[in-house]
Each structure stands twice: as C-alpha cells, then as structure tokens.
C-alpha cells in the first residue's frame, strides 16, 4: 500500500507588472493585456553575456513611444 502525506506548497504567482520606462504599475484583472513582458535568455557569444537573462516590461503607451516606428500591427483573420 502507498502511504501519502498532504503538504502545503507556496507558489509564486504573477499578479501584475511595473513598466520599466514610466514606472506605472498594473495590477488590475487585465494587467496581462495592458503591456508587454519580454524575457530572453542570452546564448553563447551574446554581447549581453552568456546565459544572462534579459527582461523588459512596458505598458502600451511606452511600447508605442519606444517601438512605434518598428511595430507591424495586423488584424486577425
């Protein structure tokens, strides 16, 4: 017979983000639709360092300001 034990485990849950550019915080129920959170692990020979992690959090206003000229916006089919 298998013996089981019940235990409580803490889990880290994302509940919002803070824009790296303007500093505004987004924690409402739509926080994951009001901006961009980008994480990237650098590979071998990266100018940012092998294995380092890059992270950027931007709200929609800052996305438009920083990346506006480079964005390609398409409607879904």
C-alpha atoms as a PDB file:
ATOM      1  CA  UNK A   1       0.000   0.000   0.000  1.00  0.00           C
ATOM      2  CA  UNK A   2       1.241   3.515  -0.850  1.00  0.00           C
ATOM      3  CA  UNK A   3       1.345   5.953   2.046  1.00  0.00           C
ATOM      4  CA  UNK A   4       0.531   9.581   1.165  1.00  0.00           C
ATOM      5  CA  UNK A   5       1.262  12.750   3.051  1.00  0.00           C
ATOM      6  CA  UNK A   6      -0.546  16.047   2.424  1.00  0.00           C
ATOM      7  CA  UNK A   7       1.553  19.226   2.493  1.00  0.00           C
ATOM      8  CA  UNK A   8       1.074  22.858   1.606  1.00  0.00           C
ATOM      9  CA  UNK A   9       3.347  24.342  -1.045  1.00  0.00           C
ATOM     10  CA  UNK A  10       3.858  28.050  -1.682  1.00  0.00           C
ATOM     11  CA  UNK A  11       3.634  29.106  -5.321  1.00  0.00           C
ATOM     12  CA  UNK A  12       4.839  32.413  -6.751  1.00  0.00           C
ATOM     13  CA  UNK A  13       2.099  33.880  -8.944  1.00  0.00           C
ATOM     14  CA  UNK A  14       2.422  36.916 -11.231  1.00  0.00           C
ATOM     15  CA  UNK A  15      -0.249  39.486 -10.328  1.00  0.00           C
ATOM     16  CA  UNK A  16       0.905  42.490 -12.322  1.00  0.00           C
ATOM     17  CA  UNK A  17       3.904  44.378 -13.650  1.00  0.00           C
ATOM     18  CA  UNK A  18       5.705  47.704 -13.358  1.00  0.00           C
ATOM     19  CA  UNK A  19       6.672  49.471 -16.584  1.00  0.00           C
ATOM     20  CA  UNK A  20      10.466  49.810 -16.784  1.00  0.00           C
ATOM     21  CA  UNK A  21      10.174  53.110 -18.676  1.00  0.00           C
ATOM     22  CA  UNK A  22       7.444  55.168 -16.963  1.00  0.00           C
ATOM     23  CA  UNK A  23       7.203  53.302 -13.660  1.00  0.00           C
ATOM     24  CA  UNK A  24       3.422  52.842 -13.671  1.00  0.00           C
ATOM     25  CA  UNK A  25       2.144  49.685 -12.001  1.00  0.00           C
ATOM     26  CA  UNK A  26      -0.539  47.468 -13.495  1.00  0.00           C
ATOM     27  CA  UNK A  27      -2.262  45.035 -11.131  1.00  0.00           C
ATOM     28  CA  UNK A  28      -5.896  45.029 -12.256  1.00  0.00           C
ATOM     29  CA  UNK A  29      -7.591  41.964 -13.720  1.00  0.00           C
ATOM     30  CA  UNK A  30      -6.450  42.944 -17.260  1.00  0.00           C
ATOM     31  CA  UNK A  31      -2.785  43.573 -16.394  1.00  0.00           C
ATOM     32  CA  UNK A  32      -1.564  40.937 -18.861  1.00  0.00           C
ATOM     33  CA  UNK A  33      -3.409  42.758 -21.706  1.00  0.00           C
ATOM     34  CA  UNK A  34      -2.112  46.262 -20.940  1.00  0.00           C
ATOM     35  CA  UNK A  35       1.503  45.866 -21.916  1.00  0.00           C
ATOM     36  CA  UNK A  36       4.370  43.631 -22.906  1.00  0.00           C
ATOM     37  CA  UNK A  37       6.554  41.451 -20.731  1.00  0.00           C
ATOM     38  CA  UNK A  38       9.523  40.028 -22.585  1.00  0.00           C
ATOM     39  CA  UNK A  39      12.141  37.645 -21.202  1.00  0.00           C
ATOM     40  CA  UNK A  40      15.079  36.276 -23.141  1.00  0.00           C
ATOM     41  CA  UNK A  41      17.976  34.027 -22.188  1.00  0.00           C
ATOM     42  CA  UNK A  42      21.191  35.062 -23.926  1.00  0.00           C
ATOM     43  CA  UNK A  43      23.095  32.436 -25.837  1.00  0.00           C
ATOM     44  CA  UNK A  44      26.770  31.745 -26.404  1.00  0.00           C
ATOM     45  CA  UNK A  45      28.702  34.828 -27.518  1.00  0.00           C
ATOM     46  CA  UNK A  46      25.911  37.284 -26.718  1.00  0.00           C
ATOM     47  CA  UNK A  47      27.006  40.884 -26.163  1.00  0.00           C
ATOM     48  CA  UNK A  48      24.856  40.762 -23.005  1.00  0.00           C
ATOM     49  CA  UNK A  49      26.713  37.778 -21.539  1.00  0.00           C
ATOM     50  CA  UNK A  50      26.390  34.028 -21.984  1.00  0.00           C
ATOM     51  CA  UNK A  51      23.373  32.677 -20.114  1.00  0.00           C
ATOM     52  CA  UNK A  52      22.252  36.079 -18.805  1.00  0.00           C
ATOM     53  CA  UNK A  53      18.532  36.819 -18.819  1.00  0.00           C
ATOM     54  CA  UNK A  54      17.113  39.999 -20.365  1.00  0.00           C
ATOM     55  CA  UNK A  55      13.738  41.242 -19.155  1.00  0.00           C
ATOM     56  CA  UNK A  56      11.667  44.244 -20.224  1.00  0.00           C
ATOM     57  CA  UNK A  57       8.189  45.259 -19.076  1.00  0.00           C
ATOM     58  CA  UNK A  58       6.494  48.080 -20.994  1.00  0.00           C
ATOM     59  CA  UNK A  59       2.965  49.479 -20.835  1.00  0.00           C
ATOM     60  CA  UNK A  60       1.096  50.156 -24.098  1.00  0.00           C
ATOM     61  CA  UNK A  61       1.935  53.876 -24.063  1.00  0.00           C
ATOM     62  CA  UNK A  62       5.652  53.167 -23.702  1.00  0.00           C
ATOM     63  CA  UNK A  63       5.533  50.396 -26.323  1.00  0.00           C
ATOM     64  CA  UNK A  64       4.111  52.949 -28.751  1.00  0.00           C
ATOM     65  CA  UNK A  65       6.710  55.563 -27.775  1.00  0.00           C
ATOM     66  CA  UNK A  66       9.756  53.260 -27.871  1.00  0.00           C
ATOM     67  CA  UNK A  67       8.834  50.791 -30.625  1.00  0.00           C
ATOM     68  CA  UNK A  68       6.108  52.625 -32.553  1.00  0.00           C
ATOM     69  CA  UNK A  69       8.095  53.132 -35.765  1.00  0.00           C
ATOM     70  CA  UNK A  70       9.030  49.417 -35.849  1.00  0.00           C
ATOM     71  CA  UNK A  71       5.700  47.813 -34.993  1.00  0.00           C
ATOM     72  CA  UNK A  72       3.754  45.926 -37.616  1.00  0.00           C
ATOM     73  CA  UNK A  73       0.115  45.822 -36.495  1.00  0.00           C
ATOM     74  CA  UNK A  74      -2.087  43.247 -38.217  1.00  0.00           C
ATOM     75  CA  UNK A  75      -5.729  42.378 -37.699  1.00  0.00           C
ATOM     76  CA  UNK A  76      -6.507  38.699 -37.084  1.00  0.00           C
ATOM     77  CA  UNK A  77      -8.059  36.830 -39.997  1.00  0.00           C
END
